[in-house]
Amino acid sequence: MTEEGKEIVLDEIDEKDIPKQIPAKFVNSRVVVFNPLYASYLYVKEKFFGAPLGISKPKLEYFSKPSELSLIEAYYLLKKGRISISNAEGKNLTAEEFYEQAVQIHDKFEEKYIIYKDLREKGYIPRPGLKFGADFVVYKKGPGLEHSPFIVHVLPHDSSISAVGIVRAGRLATSVRKKFVIANPSTTSYYFFEWFKP
């Protein structure tokens, strides 16, 4: 609901009301879209960018809360020219300036971004996968519309994973009915693991 008590329907919003670059703030290592209308628009109309603060399972409609973008989502949208990001002093950051800060904060940022971008450009919707013990949980349609079919673990070329680690990740994926995928950012390739009962 708006302040006037009128319900906002995103389908009825004129695209002219949404700025070409939606403003976001980089505050304490977090990127926040404070305007709820813009935050809702990024989530509903632009294919599930951000997570509304204080809403665990957002519906596909206007929400009256700010949202937080992951650093990877924010960098992707910034490079696409879809958002602007200002720091605490109000200075708009270039993609290069934001990247320099993001790699200091976020482990494996560069490698994860390569896979995130590739998945987005293939039409998938990658979301943070921490609760599944992975880098991403990946949807074809989007959260709330389906159960995600994959969880993705990004493994940089100089990393290794033990057989026990693969089994552990695979068992977790199987327990939540998802396929476990290892993504190689050096070659942008994917390795799927499926477990079968003997």
N, C-alpha and C. Protein backbone atom coordinates (compact mmCIF):
# COMPACT_ATOMS: atom_id res chain seq x y z
N MET A 1 0.84 -1.19 0.00
CA MET A 1 0.00 0.00 0.00
C MET A 1 0.89 1.25 0.00
N THR A 2 0.43 2.28 -0.65
CA THR A 2 1.15 3.55 -0.64
C THR A 2 0.69 4.36 0.56
N GLU A 3 1.31 5.54 0.72
CA GLU A 3 0.92 6.41 1.83
C GLU A 3 -0.54 6.84 1.70
N GLU A 4 -1.03 6.97 0.47
CA GLU A 4 -2.41 7.39 0.26
C GLU A 4 -3.38 6.22 0.46
N GLY A 5 -2.87 5.03 0.71
CA GLY A 5 -3.72 3.87 0.89
C GLY A 5 -4.06 3.16 -0.41
N LYS A 6 -3.53 3.65 -1.53
CA LYS A 6 -3.78 2.99 -2.81
C LYS A 6 -2.79 1.86 -3.01
N GLU A 7 -3.28 0.74 -3.46
CA GLU A 7 -2.39 -0.39 -3.73
C GLU A 7 -1.66 -0.16 -5.04
N ILE A 8 -0.37 -0.48 -5.05
CA ILE A 8 0.41 -0.33 -6.27
C ILE A 8 0.45 -1.67 -6.98
N VAL A 9 0.10 -1.67 -8.25
CA VAL A 9 0.19 -2.86 -9.07
C VAL A 9 1.31 -2.63 -10.08
N LEU A 10 2.32 -3.48 -10.02
CA LEU A 10 3.49 -3.25 -10.86
C LEU A 10 3.16 -3.31 -12.35
N ASP A 11 2.15 -4.09 -12.72
CA ASP A 11 1.76 -4.17 -14.13
C ASP A 11 1.27 -2.83 -14.66
N GLU A 12 0.78 -1.99 -13.75
CA GLU A 12 0.20 -0.71 -14.17
C GLU A 12 1.21 0.44 -14.10
N ILE A 13 2.42 0.16 -13.68
CA ILE A 13 3.43 1.22 -13.55
C ILE A 13 3.95 1.61 -14.92
N ASP A 14 3.99 2.89 -15.16
CA ASP A 14 4.56 3.40 -16.40
C ASP A 14 6.07 3.28 -16.32
N GLU A 15 6.66 2.68 -17.33
CA GLU A 15 8.12 2.50 -17.35
C GLU A 15 8.85 3.84 -17.19
N LYS A 16 8.18 4.93 -17.58
CA LYS A 16 8.80 6.25 -17.46
C LYS A 16 9.00 6.66 -16.00
N ASP A 17 8.26 6.01 -15.09
CA ASP A 17 8.39 6.30 -13.66
C ASP A 17 9.62 5.63 -13.04
N ILE A 18 10.22 4.72 -13.78
CA ILE A 18 11.40 3.99 -13.29
C ILE A 18 12.63 4.59 -13.96
N PRO A 19 13.59 5.08 -13.19
CA PRO A 19 14.78 5.68 -13.82
C PRO A 19 15.58 4.64 -14.60
N LYS A 20 16.26 5.11 -15.63
CA LYS A 20 17.09 4.21 -16.45
C LYS A 20 18.12 3.52 -15.56
N GLN A 21 18.69 4.29 -14.62
CA GLN A 21 19.61 3.72 -13.64
C GLN A 21 18.98 3.86 -12.26
N ILE A 22 18.56 2.75 -11.71
CA ILE A 22 17.92 2.75 -10.39
C ILE A 22 19.00 3.01 -9.33
N PRO A 23 18.77 3.99 -8.45
CA PRO A 23 19.79 4.33 -7.45
C PRO A 23 19.88 3.30 -6.32
N ALA A 24 21.11 2.95 -5.99
CA ALA A 24 21.39 2.04 -4.87
C ALA A 24 22.52 2.65 -4.05
N LYS A 25 22.60 2.25 -2.78
CA LYS A 25 23.65 2.76 -1.88
C LYS A 25 24.53 1.60 -1.42
N PHE A 26 25.83 1.88 -1.37
CA PHE A 26 26.81 0.92 -0.88
C PHE A 26 27.12 1.30 0.56
N VAL A 27 26.53 0.56 1.51
CA VAL A 27 26.63 0.91 2.92
C VAL A 27 27.11 -0.31 3.71
N ASN A 28 28.22 -0.16 4.43
CA ASN A 28 28.75 -1.24 5.27
C ASN A 28 28.82 -2.58 4.52
N SER A 29 29.43 -2.56 3.36
CA SER A 29 29.63 -3.76 2.54
C SER A 29 28.35 -4.34 1.96
N ARG A 30 27.27 -3.58 2.03
CA ARG A 30 25.99 -4.05 1.48
C ARG A 30 25.50 -3.05 0.44
N VAL A 31 24.79 -3.55 -0.57
CA VAL A 31 24.19 -2.68 -1.58
C VAL A 31 22.68 -2.73 -1.39
N VAL A 32 22.10 -1.55 -1.09
CA VAL A 32 20.68 -1.48 -0.75
C VAL A 32 19.96 -0.54 -1.72
N VAL A 33 18.81 -0.99 -2.21
CA VAL A 33 17.90 -0.14 -2.98
C VAL A 33 16.83 0.30 -1.97
N PHE A 34 16.90 1.58 -1.58
CA PHE A 34 16.04 2.06 -0.50
C PHE A 34 14.61 2.35 -0.96
N ASN A 35 14.42 2.73 -2.21
CA ASN A 35 13.08 3.04 -2.70
C ASN A 35 12.31 1.73 -2.94
N PRO A 36 11.22 1.47 -2.18
CA PRO A 36 10.52 0.19 -2.31
C PRO A 36 9.95 -0.06 -3.71
N LEU A 37 9.52 1.00 -4.39
CA LEU A 37 8.99 0.82 -5.74
C LEU A 37 10.08 0.31 -6.68
N TYR A 38 11.27 0.92 -6.61
CA TYR A 38 12.37 0.49 -7.46
C TYR A 38 12.85 -0.91 -7.08
N ALA A 39 12.87 -1.16 -5.76
CA ALA A 39 13.28 -2.49 -5.28
C ALA A 39 12.31 -3.55 -5.78
N SER A 40 11.00 -3.26 -5.70
CA SER A 40 9.98 -4.19 -6.18
C SER A 40 10.12 -4.41 -7.68
N TYR A 41 10.38 -3.34 -8.39
CA TYR A 41 10.52 -3.42 -9.85
C TYR A 41 11.68 -4.34 -10.24
N LEU A 42 12.82 -4.18 -9.57
CA LEU A 42 13.98 -5.04 -9.87
C LEU A 42 13.67 -6.50 -9.58
N TYR A 43 12.90 -6.74 -8.55
CA TYR A 43 12.59 -8.13 -8.18
C TYR A 43 11.53 -8.74 -9.11
N VAL A 44 10.45 -8.00 -9.32
CA VAL A 44 9.32 -8.56 -10.06
C VAL A 44 9.50 -8.46 -11.57
N LYS A 45 9.89 -7.29 -12.06
CA LYS A 45 9.92 -7.05 -13.50
C LYS A 45 11.26 -7.37 -14.15
N GLU A 46 12.33 -7.32 -13.39
CA GLU A 46 13.65 -7.53 -13.98
C GLU A 46 14.21 -8.91 -13.64
N LYS A 47 13.35 -9.80 -13.22
CA LYS A 47 13.71 -11.21 -12.98
C LYS A 47 14.51 -11.45 -11.71
N PHE A 48 13.93 -11.07 -10.59
CA PHE A 48 14.38 -11.52 -9.27
C PHE A 48 15.76 -11.02 -8.85
N PHE A 49 15.97 -9.72 -8.97
CA PHE A 49 17.19 -9.13 -8.43
C PHE A 49 16.89 -8.58 -7.05
N GLY A 50 17.75 -8.90 -6.08
CA GLY A 50 17.61 -8.38 -4.73
C GLY A 50 16.75 -9.26 -3.84
N ALA A 51 16.79 -8.93 -2.56
CA ALA A 51 15.99 -9.63 -1.56
C ALA A 51 15.40 -8.56 -0.63
N PRO A 52 14.06 -8.43 -0.59
CA PRO A 52 13.47 -7.41 0.28
C PRO A 52 13.80 -7.66 1.74
N LEU A 53 14.18 -6.61 2.43
CA LEU A 53 14.59 -6.73 3.83
C LEU A 53 13.38 -7.03 4.71
N GLY A 54 13.50 -8.09 5.49
CA GLY A 54 12.43 -8.45 6.42
C GLY A 54 11.32 -9.28 5.80
N ILE A 55 11.46 -9.69 4.54
CA ILE A 55 10.45 -10.55 3.90
C ILE A 55 11.17 -11.81 3.43
N SER A 56 10.89 -12.94 4.06
CA SER A 56 11.63 -14.15 3.73
C SER A 56 11.21 -14.77 2.40
N LYS A 57 9.92 -14.70 2.08
CA LYS A 57 9.43 -15.27 0.82
C LYS A 57 8.59 -14.22 0.11
N PRO A 58 9.22 -13.30 -0.61
CA PRO A 58 8.45 -12.24 -1.26
C PRO A 58 7.53 -12.79 -2.34
N LYS A 59 6.37 -12.14 -2.47
CA LYS A 59 5.44 -12.50 -3.53
C LYS A 59 5.76 -11.64 -4.75
N LEU A 60 5.21 -12.03 -5.87
CA LEU A 60 5.46 -11.29 -7.11
C LEU A 60 4.52 -10.08 -7.20
N GLU A 61 4.74 -9.14 -6.30
CA GLU A 61 3.94 -7.93 -6.26
C GLU A 61 4.75 -6.85 -5.55
N TYR A 62 4.20 -5.66 -5.53
CA TYR A 62 4.85 -4.55 -4.86
C TYR A 62 5.07 -4.89 -3.39
N PHE A 63 6.28 -4.60 -2.89
CA PHE A 63 6.50 -4.71 -1.45
C PHE A 63 6.99 -3.37 -0.94
N SER A 64 6.67 -3.06 0.30
CA SER A 64 6.93 -1.72 0.84
C SER A 64 8.22 -1.67 1.66
N LYS A 65 9.21 -2.43 1.23
CA LYS A 65 10.49 -2.48 1.96
C LYS A 65 11.63 -2.22 0.98
N PRO A 66 12.76 -1.74 1.51
CA PRO A 66 13.98 -1.68 0.67
C PRO A 66 14.44 -3.10 0.38
N SER A 67 15.34 -3.26 -0.56
CA SER A 67 15.90 -4.59 -0.80
C SER A 67 17.42 -4.51 -0.86
N GLU A 68 18.03 -5.66 -0.57
CA GLU A 68 19.49 -5.75 -0.63
C GLU A 68 19.89 -6.58 -1.84
N LEU A 69 20.81 -6.04 -2.62
CA LEU A 69 21.38 -6.77 -3.74
C LEU A 69 22.66 -7.44 -3.26
N SER A 70 22.90 -8.67 -3.69
CA SER A 70 24.21 -9.26 -3.41
C SER A 70 25.26 -8.45 -4.17
N LEU A 71 26.50 -8.52 -3.75
CA LEU A 71 27.55 -7.77 -4.44
C LEU A 71 27.66 -8.22 -5.90
N ILE A 72 27.44 -9.50 -6.15
CA ILE A 72 27.52 -10.02 -7.52
C ILE A 72 26.36 -9.49 -8.36
N GLU A 73 25.14 -9.51 -7.81
CA GLU A 73 23.99 -8.94 -8.53
C GLU A 73 24.23 -7.47 -8.81
N ALA A 74 24.71 -6.75 -7.80
CA ALA A 74 24.92 -5.31 -7.95
C ALA A 74 25.94 -5.01 -9.05
N TYR A 75 27.02 -5.77 -9.07
CA TYR A 75 28.04 -5.56 -10.11
C TYR A 75 27.47 -5.86 -11.49
N TYR A 76 26.71 -6.92 -11.60
CA TYR A 76 26.09 -7.29 -12.88
C TYR A 76 25.18 -6.16 -13.38
N LEU A 77 24.30 -5.66 -12.49
CA LEU A 77 23.38 -4.59 -12.88
C LEU A 77 24.11 -3.29 -13.16
N LEU A 78 25.17 -3.01 -12.40
CA LEU A 78 25.96 -1.80 -12.62
C LEU A 78 26.63 -1.85 -13.99
N LYS A 79 27.20 -2.99 -14.34
CA LYS A 79 27.85 -3.14 -15.65
C LYS A 79 26.84 -3.04 -16.79
N LYS A 80 25.60 -3.47 -16.53
CA LYS A 80 24.54 -3.38 -17.54
C LYS A 80 23.98 -1.96 -17.64
N GLY A 81 24.38 -1.08 -16.71
CA GLY A 81 23.85 0.28 -16.71
C GLY A 81 22.44 0.37 -16.15
N ARG A 82 22.01 -0.67 -15.42
CA ARG A 82 20.64 -0.70 -14.91
C ARG A 82 20.51 -0.05 -13.54
N ILE A 83 21.63 0.02 -12.79
CA ILE A 83 21.61 0.71 -11.50
C ILE A 83 22.81 1.65 -11.43
N SER A 84 22.73 2.59 -10.50
CA SER A 84 23.90 3.37 -10.09
C SER A 84 24.13 3.03 -8.63
N ILE A 85 25.38 3.08 -8.21
CA ILE A 85 25.71 2.77 -6.81
C ILE A 85 26.51 3.92 -6.24
N SER A 86 25.98 4.52 -5.18
CA SER A 86 26.71 5.61 -4.52
C SER A 86 27.24 5.11 -3.19
N ASN A 87 28.38 5.68 -2.78
CA ASN A 87 28.97 5.28 -1.50
C ASN A 87 28.42 6.15 -0.37
N ALA A 88 28.94 5.98 0.83
CA ALA A 88 28.44 6.71 2.00
C ALA A 88 28.57 8.22 1.85
N GLU A 89 29.56 8.66 1.05
CA GLU A 89 29.76 10.09 0.84
C GLU A 89 28.89 10.63 -0.29
N GLY A 90 28.12 9.76 -0.94
CA GLY A 90 27.24 10.20 -2.02
C GLY A 90 27.88 10.18 -3.40
N LYS A 91 29.11 9.69 -3.49
CA LYS A 91 29.79 9.62 -4.80
C LYS A 91 29.35 8.37 -5.55
N ASN A 92 28.97 8.56 -6.82
CA ASN A 92 28.62 7.41 -7.65
C ASN A 92 29.90 6.66 -8.03
N LEU A 93 29.88 5.35 -7.82
CA LEU A 93 31.04 4.52 -8.11
C LEU A 93 31.00 4.02 -9.54
N THR A 94 32.17 3.98 -10.17
CA THR A 94 32.26 3.33 -11.48
C THR A 94 32.26 1.82 -11.25
N ALA A 95 32.05 1.07 -12.31
CA ALA A 95 32.08 -0.39 -12.21
C ALA A 95 33.45 -0.84 -11.69
N GLU A 96 34.51 -0.18 -12.15
CA GLU A 96 35.87 -0.55 -11.73
C GLU A 96 36.08 -0.28 -10.25
N GLU A 97 35.60 0.86 -9.77
CA GLU A 97 35.74 1.20 -8.35
C GLU A 97 34.96 0.22 -7.47
N PHE A 98 33.75 -0.11 -7.92
CA PHE A 98 32.93 -1.06 -7.15
C PHE A 98 33.60 -2.43 -7.14
N TYR A 99 34.09 -2.86 -8.28
CA TYR A 99 34.75 -4.17 -8.39
C TYR A 99 35.94 -4.26 -7.42
N GLU A 100 36.77 -3.21 -7.38
CA GLU A 100 37.95 -3.21 -6.49
C GLU A 100 37.54 -3.42 -5.03
N GLN A 101 36.43 -2.85 -4.63
CA GLN A 101 35.97 -3.02 -3.25
C GLN A 101 35.32 -4.39 -3.05
N ALA A 102 34.57 -4.85 -4.06
CA ALA A 102 33.85 -6.13 -3.93
C ALA A 102 34.82 -7.30 -3.78
N VAL A 103 35.93 -7.28 -4.53
CA VAL A 103 36.87 -8.40 -4.44
C VAL A 103 37.55 -8.46 -3.07
N GLN A 104 37.62 -7.33 -2.38
CA GLN A 104 38.20 -7.31 -1.03
C GLN A 104 37.22 -7.90 0.00
N ILE A 105 35.93 -7.78 -0.28
CA ILE A 105 34.90 -8.18 0.68
C ILE A 105 34.44 -9.61 0.45
N HIS A 106 34.26 -9.98 -0.81
CA HIS A 106 33.55 -11.22 -1.17
C HIS A 106 34.54 -12.27 -1.68
N ASP A 107 34.60 -13.39 -0.99
CA ASP A 107 35.49 -14.49 -1.38
C ASP A 107 35.13 -15.02 -2.76
N LYS A 108 36.12 -15.25 -3.61
CA LYS A 108 35.94 -15.78 -4.97
C LYS A 108 35.03 -14.90 -5.82
N PHE A 109 35.04 -13.59 -5.58
CA PHE A 109 34.10 -12.70 -6.28
C PHE A 109 34.23 -12.81 -7.80
N GLU A 110 35.46 -12.71 -8.30
CA GLU A 110 35.66 -12.72 -9.76
C GLU A 110 35.16 -14.03 -10.38
N GLU A 111 35.51 -15.15 -9.77
CA GLU A 111 35.10 -16.46 -10.30
C GLU A 111 33.59 -16.64 -10.24
N LYS A 112 32.99 -16.24 -9.12
CA LYS A 112 31.54 -16.37 -8.98
C LYS A 112 30.82 -15.47 -9.98
N TYR A 113 31.37 -14.27 -10.19
CA TYR A 113 30.73 -13.35 -11.14
C TYR A 113 30.71 -13.94 -12.55
N ILE A 114 31.80 -14.58 -12.96
CA ILE A 114 31.86 -15.18 -14.31
C ILE A 114 30.72 -16.18 -14.48
N ILE A 115 30.52 -17.02 -13.48
CA ILE A 115 29.47 -18.04 -13.56
C ILE A 115 28.09 -17.40 -13.45
N TYR A 116 27.94 -16.43 -12.54
CA TYR A 116 26.66 -15.74 -12.39
C TYR A 116 26.24 -15.12 -13.73
N LYS A 117 27.14 -14.38 -14.34
CA LYS A 117 26.85 -13.70 -15.61
C LYS A 117 26.49 -14.71 -16.69
N ASP A 118 27.24 -15.80 -16.76
CA ASP A 118 26.96 -16.82 -17.77
C ASP A 118 25.57 -17.43 -17.57
N LEU A 119 25.23 -17.75 -16.33
CA LEU A 119 23.91 -18.32 -16.05
C LEU A 119 22.80 -17.33 -16.40
N ARG A 120 22.97 -16.08 -16.01
CA ARG A 120 21.96 -15.05 -16.33
C ARG A 120 21.79 -14.93 -17.84
N GLU A 121 22.90 -14.92 -18.56
CA GLU A 121 22.82 -14.74 -20.01
C GLU A 121 22.29 -15.97 -20.73
N LYS A 122 22.29 -17.10 -20.05
CA LYS A 122 21.67 -18.32 -20.60
C LYS A 122 20.19 -18.39 -20.23
N GLY A 123 19.70 -17.38 -19.51
CA GLY A 123 18.28 -17.33 -19.16
C GLY A 123 17.92 -17.91 -17.81
N TYR A 124 18.92 -18.35 -17.04
CA TYR A 124 18.67 -18.87 -15.70
C TYR A 124 18.65 -17.74 -14.69
N ILE A 125 18.12 -18.05 -13.50
CA ILE A 125 18.07 -17.06 -12.42
C ILE A 125 18.86 -17.60 -11.24
N PRO A 126 20.14 -17.20 -11.13
CA PRO A 126 20.93 -17.64 -9.97
C PRO A 126 20.67 -16.75 -8.77
N ARG A 127 20.46 -17.38 -7.62
CA ARG A 127 20.25 -16.66 -6.38
C ARG A 127 21.28 -17.16 -5.37
N PRO A 128 21.58 -16.38 -4.34
CA PRO A 128 22.55 -16.84 -3.34
C PRO A 128 22.14 -18.20 -2.77
N GLY A 129 23.11 -19.12 -2.67
CA GLY A 129 22.80 -20.50 -2.28
C GLY A 129 23.35 -20.91 -0.93
N LEU A 130 23.63 -19.94 -0.06
CA LEU A 130 24.26 -20.23 1.22
C LEU A 130 23.48 -21.24 2.05
N LYS A 131 22.15 -21.14 2.06
CA LYS A 131 21.37 -22.06 2.90
C LYS A 131 21.44 -23.49 2.40
N PHE A 132 21.90 -23.68 1.15
CA PHE A 132 22.09 -25.02 0.60
C PHE A 132 23.56 -25.43 0.60
N GLY A 133 24.41 -24.60 1.22
CA GLY A 133 25.83 -24.91 1.27
C GLY A 133 26.51 -24.78 -0.07
N ALA A 134 25.97 -23.93 -0.95
CA ALA A 134 26.53 -23.75 -2.29
C ALA A 134 26.65 -22.27 -2.59
N ASP A 135 27.28 -21.96 -3.72
CA ASP A 135 27.41 -20.55 -4.12
C ASP A 135 26.10 -20.00 -4.67
N PHE A 136 25.40 -20.82 -5.48
CA PHE A 136 24.14 -20.38 -6.07
C PHE A 136 23.11 -21.49 -6.02
N VAL A 137 21.87 -21.09 -5.90
CA VAL A 137 20.75 -21.96 -6.20
C VAL A 137 20.16 -21.38 -7.48
N VAL A 138 19.88 -22.25 -8.46
CA VAL A 138 19.56 -21.77 -9.80
C VAL A 138 18.15 -22.18 -10.19
N TYR A 139 17.41 -21.20 -10.69
CA TYR A 139 16.03 -21.41 -11.14
C TYR A 139 15.92 -21.24 -12.65
N LYS A 140 14.91 -21.90 -13.23
CA LYS A 140 14.59 -21.65 -14.64
C LYS A 140 13.54 -20.55 -14.75
N LYS A 141 12.53 -20.58 -13.84
CA LYS A 141 11.46 -19.58 -13.87
C LYS A 141 11.64 -18.53 -12.78
N GLY A 142 12.02 -18.95 -11.59
CA GLY A 142 12.21 -18.01 -10.50
C GLY A 142 11.71 -18.53 -9.18
N PRO A 143 12.23 -17.99 -8.07
CA PRO A 143 11.78 -18.42 -6.74
C PRO A 143 10.30 -18.10 -6.55
N GLY A 144 9.61 -19.04 -5.93
CA GLY A 144 8.17 -18.86 -5.73
C GLY A 144 7.34 -19.40 -6.88
N LEU A 145 7.99 -19.60 -8.03
CA LEU A 145 7.28 -20.12 -9.20
C LEU A 145 7.58 -21.61 -9.40
N GLU A 146 8.67 -22.07 -8.81
CA GLU A 146 9.11 -23.47 -8.96
C GLU A 146 10.15 -23.76 -7.90
N HIS A 147 10.45 -25.04 -7.74
CA HIS A 147 11.60 -25.42 -6.92
C HIS A 147 12.82 -25.36 -7.83
N SER A 148 13.92 -24.88 -7.30
CA SER A 148 15.12 -24.78 -8.14
C SER A 148 15.65 -26.18 -8.45
N PRO A 149 16.04 -26.40 -9.71
CA PRO A 149 16.54 -27.73 -10.07
C PRO A 149 18.02 -27.95 -9.74
N PHE A 150 18.80 -26.87 -9.56
CA PHE A 150 20.25 -27.01 -9.39
C PHE A 150 20.78 -26.21 -8.22
N ILE A 151 21.83 -26.73 -7.60
CA ILE A 151 22.69 -25.90 -6.76
C ILE A 151 24.07 -25.94 -7.38
N VAL A 152 24.73 -24.79 -7.39
CA VAL A 152 26.00 -24.65 -8.10
C VAL A 152 27.10 -24.24 -7.14
N HIS A 153 28.20 -24.96 -7.22
CA HIS A 153 29.40 -24.64 -6.45
C HIS A 153 30.47 -24.21 -7.45
N VAL A 154 30.99 -22.99 -7.29
CA VAL A 154 32.02 -22.48 -8.19
C VAL A 154 33.38 -22.92 -7.67
N LEU A 155 34.12 -23.58 -8.52
CA LEU A 155 35.43 -24.11 -8.14
C LEU A 155 36.50 -23.49 -9.03
N PRO A 156 37.26 -22.50 -8.53
CA PRO A 156 38.32 -21.89 -9.32
C PRO A 156 39.34 -22.93 -9.78
N HIS A 157 40.05 -22.63 -10.86
CA HIS A 157 40.95 -23.59 -11.49
C HIS A 157 42.06 -24.08 -10.55
N ASP A 158 42.44 -23.26 -9.58
CA ASP A 158 43.53 -23.66 -8.67
C ASP A 158 42.99 -24.28 -7.38
N SER A 159 41.70 -24.61 -7.36
CA SER A 159 41.10 -25.22 -6.18
C SER A 159 40.94 -26.71 -6.39
N SER A 160 40.65 -27.37 -5.31
CA SER A 160 40.38 -28.81 -5.41
C SER A 160 39.21 -29.15 -4.49
N ILE A 161 38.59 -30.27 -4.78
CA ILE A 161 37.52 -30.77 -3.93
C ILE A 161 37.76 -32.26 -3.75
N SER A 162 37.63 -32.71 -2.54
CA SER A 162 37.88 -34.12 -2.26
C SER A 162 36.68 -34.96 -2.67
N ALA A 163 36.90 -36.26 -2.77
CA ALA A 163 35.80 -37.18 -3.07
C ALA A 163 34.74 -37.08 -1.98
N VAL A 164 35.20 -36.95 -0.73
CA VAL A 164 34.26 -36.82 0.39
C VAL A 164 33.44 -35.53 0.23
N GLY A 165 34.10 -34.45 -0.20
CA GLY A 165 33.40 -33.18 -0.41
C GLY A 165 32.34 -33.29 -1.49
N ILE A 166 32.65 -34.02 -2.56
CA ILE A 166 31.68 -34.22 -3.64
C ILE A 166 30.49 -35.04 -3.14
N VAL A 167 30.79 -36.10 -2.41
CA VAL A 167 29.71 -36.95 -1.88
C VAL A 167 28.84 -36.15 -0.92
N ARG A 168 29.47 -35.38 -0.04
CA ARG A 168 28.71 -34.59 0.94
C ARG A 168 27.78 -33.60 0.23
N ALA A 169 28.34 -32.88 -0.76
CA ALA A 169 27.54 -31.90 -1.50
C ALA A 169 26.44 -32.59 -2.29
N GLY A 170 26.77 -33.73 -2.88
CA GLY A 170 25.79 -34.48 -3.66
C GLY A 170 24.65 -35.00 -2.81
N ARG A 171 24.98 -35.46 -1.61
CA ARG A 171 23.94 -35.97 -0.70
C ARG A 171 23.03 -34.84 -0.25
N LEU A 172 23.63 -33.68 0.03
CA LEU A 172 22.82 -32.53 0.41
C LEU A 172 21.88 -32.15 -0.73
N ALA A 173 22.43 -32.08 -1.94
CA ALA A 173 21.60 -31.72 -3.10
C ALA A 173 20.47 -32.72 -3.29
N THR A 174 20.79 -33.99 -3.17
CA THR A 174 19.77 -35.03 -3.34
C THR A 174 18.69 -34.92 -2.27
N SER A 175 19.09 -34.60 -1.04
CA SER A 175 18.11 -34.50 0.06
C SER A 175 17.11 -33.37 -0.16
N VAL A 176 17.50 -32.35 -0.93
CA VAL A 176 16.58 -31.25 -1.23
C VAL A 176 16.10 -31.31 -2.68
N ARG A 177 16.28 -32.46 -3.30
CA ARG A 177 15.81 -32.75 -4.66
C ARG A 177 16.36 -31.78 -5.70
N LYS A 178 17.66 -31.60 -5.66
CA LYS A 178 18.32 -30.75 -6.64
C LYS A 178 19.53 -31.48 -7.21
N LYS A 179 19.97 -31.04 -8.37
CA LYS A 179 21.19 -31.59 -8.94
C LYS A 179 22.36 -30.75 -8.45
N PHE A 180 23.46 -31.43 -8.14
CA PHE A 180 24.67 -30.75 -7.69
C PHE A 180 25.54 -30.47 -8.92
N VAL A 181 25.97 -29.22 -9.05
CA VAL A 181 26.75 -28.81 -10.21
C VAL A 181 28.03 -28.13 -9.74
N ILE A 182 29.16 -28.54 -10.31
CA ILE A 182 30.42 -27.82 -10.11
C ILE A 182 30.64 -26.97 -11.35
N ALA A 183 30.90 -25.68 -11.14
CA ALA A 183 31.13 -24.75 -12.25
C ALA A 183 32.59 -24.35 -12.29
N ASN A 184 33.19 -24.43 -13.47
CA ASN A 184 34.59 -24.05 -13.67
C ASN A 184 34.61 -22.69 -14.36
N PRO A 185 35.00 -21.62 -13.63
CA PRO A 185 34.99 -20.28 -14.24
C PRO A 185 36.07 -20.07 -15.30
N SER A 186 37.13 -20.89 -15.29
CA SER A 186 38.20 -20.73 -16.28
C SER A 186 37.72 -21.06 -17.68
N THR A 187 36.85 -22.07 -17.77
CA THR A 187 36.36 -22.52 -19.07
C THR A 187 34.85 -22.29 -19.20
N THR A 188 34.23 -21.72 -18.18
CA THR A 188 32.78 -21.54 -18.10
C THR A 188 32.08 -22.84 -18.46
N SER A 189 32.46 -23.89 -17.76
CA SER A 189 31.86 -25.20 -18.00
C SER A 189 31.26 -25.73 -16.71
N TYR A 190 30.36 -26.70 -16.86
CA TYR A 190 29.57 -27.20 -15.75
C TYR A 190 29.63 -28.72 -15.70
N TYR A 191 29.76 -29.26 -14.49
CA TYR A 191 29.81 -30.70 -14.28
C TYR A 191 28.66 -31.09 -13.36
N PHE A 192 27.75 -31.90 -13.89
CA PHE A 192 26.55 -32.30 -13.15
C PHE A 192 26.80 -33.64 -12.48
N PHE A 193 26.33 -33.76 -11.26
CA PHE A 193 26.42 -35.02 -10.52
C PHE A 193 25.01 -35.47 -10.16
N GLU A 194 24.75 -36.74 -10.43
CA GLU A 194 23.48 -37.31 -10.04
C GLU A 194 23.75 -38.59 -9.26
N TRP A 195 22.97 -38.80 -8.21
CA TRP A 195 23.12 -39.99 -7.38
C TRP A 195 21.97 -40.93 -7.64
N PHE A 196 22.30 -42.19 -7.79
CA PHE A 196 21.28 -43.21 -8.03
C PHE A 196 21.32 -44.22 -6.91
N LYS A 197 20.17 -44.69 -6.50
CA LYS A 197 20.12 -45.75 -5.48
C LYS A 197 20.39 -47.07 -6.19
N PRO A 198 21.29 -47.90 -5.63
CA PRO A 198 21.58 -49.19 -6.28
C PRO A 198 20.40 -50.15 -6.21
